[in-house]
Protein backbone atom coordinates (compact mmCIF):
# COMPACT_ATOMS: atom_id res chain seq x y z
CA UNK A 1 133.92 183.33 55.07
CA UNK A 2 130.83 180.94 54.56
CA UNK A 3 131.56 177.39 53.82
CA UNK A 4 130.99 176.04 50.31
CA UNK A 5 127.59 174.19 50.74
CA UNK A 6 129.03 171.17 48.78
CA UNK A 7 131.85 170.66 51.59
CA UNK A 8 129.49 170.70 54.30
CA UNK A 9 127.14 168.31 52.75
CA UNK A 10 130.00 165.84 52.07
CA UNK A 11 130.64 165.99 55.94
CA UNK A 12 127.08 165.08 56.97
CA UNK A 13 127.08 161.11 57.72
CA UNK A 14 124.29 158.75 56.90
CA UNK A 15 123.01 158.56 60.25
CA UNK A 16 122.81 162.51 60.78
CA UNK A 17 121.30 162.79 57.35
CA UNK A 18 118.36 160.17 58.09
CA UNK A 19 117.99 161.83 61.40
CA UNK A 20 117.64 165.21 60.21
CA UNK A 21 115.00 164.03 57.38
CA UNK A 22 113.19 161.90 59.89
CA UNK A 23 113.06 164.52 62.69
CA UNK A 24 111.59 167.16 60.36
CA UNK A 25 109.07 164.92 58.45
CA UNK A 26 105.66 166.35 58.24
CA UNK A 27 102.65 164.55 57.84
CA UNK A 28 101.47 166.93 54.88
CA UNK A 29 104.65 165.78 53.21
CA UNK A 30 103.64 162.06 53.06
CA UNK A 31 102.36 161.01 49.76
CA UNK A 32 98.51 159.66 49.87
CA UNK A 33 99.55 156.00 48.98
CA UNK A 34 101.91 156.22 51.84
CA UNK A 35 99.42 157.47 54.40
CA UNK A 36 96.89 154.87 53.14
CA UNK A 37 99.26 151.85 53.54
CA UNK A 38 99.94 153.36 56.95
CA UNK A 39 96.38 152.97 57.91
CA UNK A 40 96.14 149.42 56.63
CA UNK A 41 99.33 148.67 58.77
CA UNK A 42 97.51 149.78 61.66
CA UNK A 43 94.44 147.83 61.09
CA UNK A 44 96.34 144.79 60.44
CA UNK A 45 98.72 145.20 63.42
CA UNK A 46 95.85 145.70 65.63
CA UNK A 47 94.31 142.45 64.69
CA UNK A 48 97.20 140.30 64.96
CA UNK A 49 98.21 141.89 68.34
CA UNK A 50 94.88 141.29 69.93
CA UNK A 51 94.66 137.53 68.62
CA UNK A 52 98.26 137.49 70.01
CA UNK A 53 97.44 138.67 73.48
CA UNK A 54 95.80 135.61 74.52
CA UNK A 55 99.13 133.69 73.90
CA UNK A 56 100.55 131.92 77.10
CA UNK A 57 104.14 133.74 76.50
CA UNK A 58 102.23 137.21 76.67
CA UNK A 59 100.78 136.09 80.25
CA UNK A 60 104.42 135.58 81.22
CA UNK A 61 105.68 139.20 79.97
CA UNK A 62 102.54 140.50 81.94
CA UNK A 63 103.59 138.57 85.35
CA UNK A 64 107.40 139.42 84.55
CA UNK A 65 106.53 142.86 84.15
CA UNK A 66 104.97 143.23 87.35
CA UNK A 67 108.32 142.30 89.15
CA UNK A 68 109.79 145.60 87.96
CA UNK A 69 106.93 147.81 86.89
CA UNK A 70 103.46 147.44 88.89
CA UNK A 71 100.75 149.27 87.11
CA UNK A 72 97.16 149.92 87.52
CA UNK A 73 95.08 146.93 86.06
CA UNK A 74 92.20 149.10 84.58
CA UNK A 75 92.69 151.49 81.49
CA UNK A 76 92.73 154.98 82.31
CA UNK A 77 93.46 153.92 86.20
CA UNK A 78 96.00 156.78 86.72
CA UNK A 79 99.60 157.36 86.22
CA UNK A 80 101.38 157.74 83.11
CA UNK A 81 100.72 154.37 81.52
CA UNK A 82 99.42 152.85 78.23
CA UNK A 83 97.02 150.20 77.31
CA UNK A 84 98.27 146.48 76.82
CA UNK A 85 95.98 145.61 73.93
CA UNK A 86 93.48 142.77 74.69
CA UNK A 87 94.77 142.18 78.38
CA UNK A 88 92.36 144.72 80.17
CA UNK A 89 95.36 146.48 81.83
CA UNK A 90 97.69 149.16 81.69
CA UNK A 91 101.40 149.45 81.91
CA UNK A 92 104.17 152.08 81.84
CA UNK A 93 104.65 153.09 78.13
CA UNK A 94 108.14 151.26 77.70
CA UNK A 95 106.51 147.91 79.24
CA UNK A 96 103.28 148.36 77.16
CA UNK A 97 105.33 148.73 74.20
CA UNK A 98 107.18 145.66 75.09
CA UNK A 99 104.30 143.59 75.42
CA UNK A 100 102.19 144.77 72.48
CA UNK A 101 105.62 144.15 70.36
CA UNK A 102 105.66 140.59 71.61
CA UNK A 103 101.94 140.12 71.07
CA UNK A 104 102.08 141.52 67.61
CA UNK A 105 104.78 138.98 66.47
CA UNK A 106 103.99 135.87 68.53
CA UNK A 107 101.37 134.35 65.91
CA UNK A 108 103.79 135.34 63.05
CA UNK A 109 100.65 136.68 61.31
CA UNK A 110 101.78 140.21 61.16
CA UNK A 111 102.90 142.65 58.03
CA UNK A 112 105.86 141.55 56.00
CA UNK A 113 108.47 143.74 53.96
CA UNK A 114 109.85 141.08 51.72
CA UNK A 115 111.98 142.39 48.79
CA UNK A 116 115.12 140.68 47.45
CA UNK A 117 117.79 142.15 49.87
CA UNK A 118 115.78 141.67 53.19
CA UNK A 119 112.67 140.78 55.28
CA UNK A 120 111.33 142.95 57.93
CA UNK A 121 108.15 142.43 60.26
CA UNK A 122 107.84 146.60 60.36
CA UNK A 123 104.68 147.33 62.38
CA UNK A 124 105.41 145.18 65.35
CA UNK A 125 108.51 147.17 66.58
CA UNK A 126 106.83 150.72 65.63
CA UNK A 127 103.37 150.75 66.16
CA UNK A 128 103.71 149.58 70.01
CA UNK A 129 105.68 152.70 70.64
CA UNK A 130 103.33 155.20 68.82
CA UNK A 131 100.33 153.91 70.72
CA UNK A 132 102.37 153.60 74.16
CA UNK A 133 103.74 157.25 73.72
CA UNK A 134 100.49 158.66 71.99
CA UNK A 135 98.05 157.62 74.26
CA UNK A 136 99.25 159.44 77.40
CA UNK A 137 99.96 162.33 75.63
CA UNK A 138 96.64 162.41 73.54
CA UNK A 139 98.29 162.70 70.17
CA UNK A 140 96.49 163.13 67.28
CA UNK A 141 96.06 160.64 64.59
CA UNK A 142 98.06 162.93 62.19
CA UNK A 143 101.27 163.06 64.49
CA UNK A 144 100.89 159.56 65.12
CA UNK A 145 100.76 158.52 61.34
CA UNK A 146 104.00 160.56 60.79
CA UNK A 147 105.77 158.97 63.55
CA UNK A 148 104.66 155.53 62.24
CA UNK A 149 105.90 156.34 58.54
CA UNK A 150 109.30 157.92 59.86
CA UNK A 151 109.86 154.60 61.97
CA UNK A 152 108.96 152.40 59.23
CA UNK A 153 110.81 153.98 56.50
CA UNK A 154 113.80 154.28 59.06
CA UNK A 155 114.22 150.45 59.79
CA UNK A 156 113.93 149.45 56.31
CA UNK A 157 116.40 151.94 54.93
CA UNK A 158 118.97 150.23 57.68
CA UNK A 159 117.87 146.96 56.25
CA UNK A 160 118.41 147.49 52.88
CA UNK A 161 121.82 148.92 53.63
CA UNK A 162 122.72 146.08 55.80
CA UNK A 163 121.97 143.59 52.94
CA UNK A 164 121.38 139.94 52.54
CA UNK A 165 124.48 139.01 54.36
CA UNK A 166 123.16 140.52 57.54
CA UNK A 167 120.29 138.19 57.44
CA UNK A 168 122.02 135.11 56.45
CA UNK A 169 124.34 135.65 59.18
CA UNK A 170 121.85 134.56 61.61
CA UNK A 171 120.51 138.06 62.65
CA UNK A 172 116.28 138.09 63.07
CA UNK A 173 116.23 141.68 60.97
CA UNK A 174 113.17 142.57 62.75
CA UNK A 175 114.82 142.72 65.83
CA UNK A 176 117.99 144.51 64.86
CA UNK A 177 116.70 147.12 62.49
CA UNK A 178 113.74 147.53 64.12
CA UNK A 179 115.60 149.53 67.05
CA UNK A 180 116.23 152.21 64.49
CA UNK A 181 112.51 152.24 63.51
CA UNK A 182 111.28 152.52 67.31
CA UNK A 183 113.86 155.08 68.06
CA UNK A 184 113.14 157.36 65.05
CA UNK A 185 109.23 156.95 65.87
CA UNK A 186 109.61 157.84 69.62
CA UNK A 187 112.17 160.66 68.81
CA UNK A 188 109.40 162.11 66.53
CA UNK A 189 106.64 161.86 69.33
CA UNK A 190 108.94 163.39 71.64
CA UNK A 191 109.96 166.17 69.34
CA UNK A 192 113.56 165.41 69.39
CA UNK A 193 115.58 167.61 66.91
CA UNK A 194 117.94 166.22 64.48
CA UNK A 195 120.98 166.03 66.64
CA UNK A 196 119.32 164.42 69.53
CA UNK A 197 117.63 161.89 67.11
CA UNK A 198 121.02 160.69 65.98
CA UNK A 199 122.18 160.13 69.32
CA UNK A 200 118.79 158.07 70.00
CA UNK A 201 119.53 155.93 66.92
CA UNK A 202 123.10 155.53 68.39
CA UNK A 203 121.57 154.41 71.61
CA UNK A 204 119.25 152.24 69.80
CA UNK A 205 121.81 150.79 67.40
CA UNK A 206 124.01 149.55 70.22
CA UNK A 207 121.05 147.57 71.75
CA UNK A 208 120.07 146.00 68.54
CA UNK A 209 119.90 142.53 68.82
CA UNK A 210 117.97 139.23 67.52
CA UNK A 211 119.14 135.80 66.77
CA UNK A 212 117.46 133.28 64.47
CA UNK A 213 118.85 130.83 66.73
CA UNK A 214 115.36 130.76 68.93
CA UNK A 215 113.11 130.59 65.92
CA UNK A 216 110.64 128.26 66.88
CA UNK A 217 110.51 129.43 70.38
CA UNK A 218 108.84 132.01 72.36
CA UNK A 219 112.13 133.94 72.04
CA UNK A 220 111.51 135.17 68.59
CA UNK A 221 108.71 137.76 69.24
CA UNK A 222 110.75 139.22 71.81
CA UNK A 223 112.96 140.75 69.36
CA UNK A 224 110.14 143.25 68.25
CA UNK A 225 109.12 143.80 71.73
CA UNK A 226 112.53 144.87 72.90
CA UNK A 227 113.18 146.69 69.99
CA UNK A 228 110.00 148.73 70.81
CA UNK A 229 110.97 148.99 74.34
CA UNK A 230 114.61 149.99 73.81
CA UNK A 231 113.74 152.59 70.99
CA UNK A 232 111.61 154.26 73.96
CA UNK A 233 114.38 154.24 76.22
CA UNK A 234 116.84 155.63 73.56
CA UNK A 235 114.58 158.48 72.61
CA UNK A 236 113.69 159.38 76.34
CA UNK A 237 117.66 159.28 77.15
CA UNK A 238 118.29 161.75 74.07
CA UNK A 239 115.72 163.99 75.14
CA UNK A 240 117.53 164.48 78.46
CA UNK A 241 120.73 164.97 76.46
CA UNK A 242 122.43 161.36 76.82
CA UNK A 243 124.85 160.90 73.97
CA UNK A 244 125.91 158.11 71.79
CA UNK A 245 127.27 157.86 68.36
CA UNK A 246 126.31 160.36 65.87
CA UNK A 247 127.69 157.91 63.23
CA UNK A 248 126.28 154.58 64.41
CA UNK A 249 125.12 153.67 60.77
CA UNK A 250 128.31 154.26 58.93
CA UNK A 251 131.05 154.06 61.53
CA UNK A 252 133.69 151.43 60.72
CA UNK A 253 132.69 149.99 64.28
CA UNK A 254 128.92 150.71 63.88
CA UNK A 255 125.82 148.81 63.05
CA UNK A 256 126.34 148.05 59.45
CA UNK A 257 130.00 147.39 59.11
CA UNK A 258 129.70 145.11 62.41
CA UNK A 259 126.61 143.13 61.64
CA UNK A 260 127.11 142.61 57.87
CA UNK A 261 129.57 141.55 55.49
CA UNK A 262 128.56 143.60 52.41
CA UNK A 263 126.84 146.84 53.49
CA UNK A 264 125.86 149.55 51.65
CA UNK A 265 125.72 152.81 53.56
CA UNK A 266 124.41 154.76 50.65
CA UNK A 267 121.28 153.25 50.69
CA UNK A 268 120.51 154.63 53.96
CA UNK A 269 119.78 157.98 52.45
CA UNK A 270 118.94 156.96 48.60
CA UNK A 271 115.89 159.00 47.55
CA UNK A 272 115.14 160.00 50.98
CA UNK A 273 111.77 162.09 50.54
CA UNK A 274 111.27 160.80 47.24
CA UNK A 275 111.27 156.92 47.23
CA UNK A 276 109.05 155.17 50.15
CA UNK A 277 109.36 151.86 51.29
CA UNK A 278 105.78 151.28 53.02
CA UNK A 279 103.69 150.96 49.90
CA UNK A 280 105.83 147.72 49.07
CA UNK A 281 105.00 146.29 52.51
CA UNK A 282 102.93 142.88 52.44
CA UNK A 283 100.17 141.44 54.39
CA UNK A 284 100.03 137.93 55.50
CA UNK A 285 96.62 135.58 54.70
CA UNK A 286 98.52 132.69 56.73
CA UNK A 287 100.03 132.49 60.40
CA UNK A 288 103.46 131.26 59.73
CA UNK A 289 106.97 132.24 58.31
CA UNK A 290 106.45 134.23 55.05
CA UNK A 291 108.65 131.82 52.90
CA UNK A 292 106.30 129.09 53.33
CA UNK A 293 103.40 131.20 52.07
CA UNK A 294 103.73 130.31 48.22
CA UNK A 295 103.73 126.62 48.93
CA UNK A 296 100.79 126.80 51.00
CA UNK A 297 98.93 128.78 48.35
CA UNK A 298 99.57 126.21 45.77
CA UNK A 299 98.71 123.23 47.85
CA UNK A 300 95.37 125.21 48.86
CA UNK A 301 94.67 125.99 45.23
CA UNK A 302 95.28 122.35 43.83
CA UNK A 303 93.20 121.03 46.83
CA UNK A 304 90.25 123.44 45.74
CA UNK A 305 90.48 123.15 42.36
CA UNK A 306 90.38 119.38 41.92
CA UNK A 307 88.66 118.62 45.42
CA UNK A 308 91.40 116.44 46.45
CA UNK A 309 90.87 113.80 49.43
CA UNK A 310 94.08 114.40 51.70
CA UNK A 311 93.84 110.48 52.00
CA UNK A 312 94.57 109.81 48.46
CA UNK A 313 97.75 112.03 48.04
CA UNK A 314 100.63 109.98 47.74
CA UNK A 315 103.66 112.83 48.04
CA UNK A 316 103.82 116.72 47.79
CA UNK A 317 106.75 118.11 46.04
CA UNK A 318 107.61 121.73 46.57
CA UNK A 319 110.22 123.67 44.40
CA UNK A 320 111.08 126.74 46.38
CA UNK A 321 113.78 129.20 47.12
CA UNK A 322 116.93 128.56 49.02
CA UNK A 323 116.12 130.39 52.20
CA UNK A 324 112.93 128.17 52.69
CA UNK A 325 115.49 125.13 53.05
CA UNK A 326 117.28 126.38 55.91
CA UNK A 327 114.91 129.07 57.33
CA UNK A 328 111.85 126.87 57.70
CA UNK A 329 113.51 123.70 57.20
CA UNK A 330 112.27 121.71 60.56
CA UNK A 331 110.94 118.21 59.37
CA UNK A 332 109.54 117.06 62.62
CA UNK A 333 108.35 120.15 64.70
CA UNK A 334 106.93 119.48 68.02
CA UNK A 335 105.31 122.79 68.57
CA UNK A 336 103.06 125.18 67.21
CA UNK A 337 105.88 127.75 67.21
CA UNK A 338 108.01 125.04 65.56
CA UNK A 339 105.32 124.51 62.95
CA UNK A 340 105.52 127.98 61.92
CA UNK A 341 108.97 127.41 60.70
CA UNK A 342 108.18 124.05 59.24
CA UNK A 343 107.79 124.07 55.44
CA UNK A 344 106.82 120.51 55.69
CA UNK A 345 103.99 121.17 58.24
CA UNK A 346 102.76 124.33 56.30
CA UNK A 347 102.46 122.14 53.06
CA UNK A 348 100.65 119.25 55.10
CA UNK A 349 98.01 121.38 57.02
CA UNK A 350 97.41 123.15 53.62
CA UNK A 351 96.60 119.69 52.19
CA UNK A 352 94.79 118.21 55.38
CA UNK A 353 93.00 121.45 56.50
CA UNK A 354 92.84 123.66 53.49
CA UNK A 355 93.73 126.33 55.87
CA UNK A 356 97.06 127.72 57.54
CA UNK A 357 95.47 129.90 59.95
CA UNK A 358 95.74 130.36 63.84
CA UNK A 359 94.13 126.81 64.93
CA UNK A 360 96.75 124.97 62.34
CA UNK A 361 99.92 126.28 64.37
CA UNK A 362 98.46 124.96 67.75
CA UNK A 363 100.60 122.53 69.67
CA UNK A 364 97.68 120.09 69.37
CA UNK A 365 97.18 120.36 65.73
CA UNK A 366 101.24 120.22 64.99
CA UNK A 367 101.06 116.50 67.03
CA UNK A 368 98.27 115.49 65.27
CA UNK A 369 98.33 111.94 63.61
CA UNK A 370 96.78 112.79 60.39
CA UNK A 371 99.03 115.99 60.14
CA UNK A 372 102.11 114.03 60.82
CA UNK A 373 101.26 111.53 58.47
CA UNK A 374 101.09 113.95 55.59
CA UNK A 375 104.32 115.65 56.60
CA UNK A 376 106.32 112.71 56.29
CA UNK A 377 104.82 112.56 52.31
CA UNK A 378 106.25 116.19 52.02
CA UNK A 379 109.74 117.02 50.31
CA UNK A 380 111.38 120.04 48.89
CA UNK A 381 113.48 120.89 45.97
CA UNK A 382 115.71 124.21 45.98
CA UNK A 383 115.72 126.50 43.04
CA UNK A 384 118.15 129.50 43.45
CA UNK A 385 116.39 131.36 40.70
CA UNK A 386 112.91 131.32 42.50
CA UNK A 387 112.04 134.50 44.56
CA UNK A 388 110.75 134.00 47.76
CA UNK A 389 107.28 134.77 47.04
CA UNK A 390 107.39 132.11 44.59
CA UNK A 391 106.95 128.20 44.50
CA UNK A 392 105.97 125.16 42.20
CA UNK A 393 104.23 122.46 43.88
CA UNK A 394 103.39 118.88 42.50
CA UNK A 395 100.91 116.60 44.27
CA UNK A 396 101.07 113.17 43.54
CA UNK A 397 97.81 110.84 44.14
CA UNK A 398 97.71 107.36 44.65
CA UNK A 399 96.43 106.70 41.27
CA UNK A 400 99.43 108.00 39.83
CA UNK A 401 97.99 111.57 38.76
CA UNK A 402 100.42 114.35 39.24
CA UNK A 403 98.89 117.71 39.88
CA UNK A 404 100.83 120.78 39.41
CA UNK A 405 100.41 124.58 40.39
CA UNK A 406 102.95 127.31 40.38
CA UNK A 407 102.76 130.45 42.46
CA UNK A 408 104.61 133.55 41.28
CA UNK A 409 103.59 135.85 43.83
CA UNK A 410 101.86 134.72 46.87
CA UNK A 411 98.96 136.68 48.21
CA UNK A 412 99.59 139.62 50.23
CA UNK A 413 102.76 140.77 48.72
CA UNK A 414 103.02 143.72 46.25
CA UNK A 415 102.90 141.58 43.34
CA UNK A 416 99.35 140.05 44.65
CA UNK A 417 98.17 142.65 47.51
CA UNK A 418 95.42 141.80 49.54
CA UNK A 419 92.47 144.31 49.30
CA UNK A 420 91.35 146.67 51.92
CA UNK A 421 88.35 144.55 52.45
CA UNK A 422 90.59 141.36 52.92
CA UNK A 423 92.45 143.25 55.52
CA UNK A 424 89.26 144.28 57.14
CA UNK A 425 87.93 140.91 57.28
CA UNK A 426 91.22 139.34 58.76
CA UNK A 427 90.88 142.20 61.39
CA UNK A 428 87.57 141.51 62.31
CA UNK A 429 87.95 137.79 62.55
CA UNK A 430 91.22 138.35 64.97
CA UNK A 431 89.83 141.28 67.04
CA UNK A 432 86.14 140.57 67.76
CA UNK A 433 86.82 137.70 69.96
CA UNK A 434 88.65 139.90 71.98
CA UNK A 435 86.95 143.37 71.96
CA UNK A 436 83.75 142.35 70.57
CA UNK A 437 81.82 143.03 67.36
CA UNK A 438 80.71 146.61 68.05
CA UNK A 439 84.25 148.00 69.21
CA UNK A 440 85.92 146.29 66.16
CA UNK A 441 83.78 148.10 63.83
CA UNK A 442 84.51 151.39 65.58
CA UNK A 443 88.30 150.78 65.57
CA UNK A 444 87.93 150.22 61.93
CA UNK A 445 86.30 153.49 61.38
CA UNK A 446 89.01 155.48 63.41
CA UNK A 447 91.84 153.93 61.59
CA UNK A 448 90.64 154.85 58.31
CA UNK A 449 90.14 158.31 59.40
CA UNK A 450 93.44 158.35 61.68
CA UNK A 451 94.65 161.70 60.42
CA UNK A 452 91.36 163.19 61.51
CA UNK A 453 91.43 161.47 65.00
CA UNK A 454 91.85 163.81 67.86
CA UNK A 455 93.32 161.42 70.32
CA UNK A 456 95.32 158.06 69.20
CA UNK A 457 94.61 156.69 72.56
CA UNK A 458 90.86 156.18 71.78
CA UNK A 459 91.92 153.30 69.58
CA UNK A 460 94.14 152.15 72.24
CA UNK A 461 91.26 151.98 74.71
CA UNK A 462 88.90 150.57 72.38
CA UNK A 463 91.42 147.55 72.14
CA UNK A 464 92.05 147.12 76.01
CA UNK A 465 89.70 143.98 75.60
CA UNK A 466 86.99 142.42 77.45
CA UNK A 467 89.09 140.68 80.24
CA UNK A 468 90.49 137.31 80.90
């Protein structure tokens, strides 16, 4: 007797259904706009990772990695290794994924999926997995693209299902759901079937972590790095028959119900294969927490429009979304990392420097007297009706004039996206100092024609760096 297909369908949980779709996802089934956005993500991710590779914390990770996994220091130096971007060295794939995932996020300059229900830095946990596994196995760009899309879509679906309560509890969503995205991408590249991929998701889910309590320290960027490393481990274990929960998402004691007060499990699979999250991913024009960007854009806009001399500013008042007040509410940051999560510092450097790039979040700039003095003139007002990508700023000058600018959607969000040319320019600015102009141009060429690339490792090796 053949079972009723409808009854069978009802017994398939969200984890199994998601794993079934992602394990069978073929690049030819991915819509053109999704494929194009994946390439934009790769370009942006490579740029911010190369720039982040120079951060002192990355040196610490590399040194610590040598304690348990010594590796050749020259790309192509033998063994199953992958390139550590910008460091002129290689490491075992899981360690390379950890370091590259960390470097991608340490500057807080990486892409951000930021709709109403969640905020996820989607590339940082996933692209490191794709290159770390793809380089030693000479994976084609087409396969790499499909693996990234599978990983990105997986993590965003889990984030949506977890809802805002997961974020508000204090979890760093990039770290938690990034584990699922990394495992899905790794599983695709390792050829896991749907059952083994479900187990990989289970093994990833039980490792998922990331607390907002470490914001403003070296610990924040560890989240996507560990997600990438743990996702590879989960997939490698599952390939060898390791079992974990096949219902890690929907189980009463699984990820969603334990880590969120208002999960909606149905969102894990809603519109699967028809609705894609990737086109709504955003890219950062400023090297700091995305919640600060509308205010930065408004202040810089007023500065440029009116030719404001910072010495003539009496005060700056920013009306912002509620999240801004408690996620980026550091009034007196002492380090560059803390400055990235200070709406007061971000508004101050926007006013004083007319910029909010990498330099504005160096320790020396955070402690500079002119910036510190401007921070004291910044105040915020919360308007819960404002979305996260909006702000209204009033600059009051010493002569009493009040200059006002509102931002409905800040630059880089789906409402005001960066162009391909702007993403290229950002990449060139960040990457060229580390790999040279010629290599940077070649990387751009390969990324734009990723689906025709025979070996994704060629991109990684071009980004090995010029040495330190």
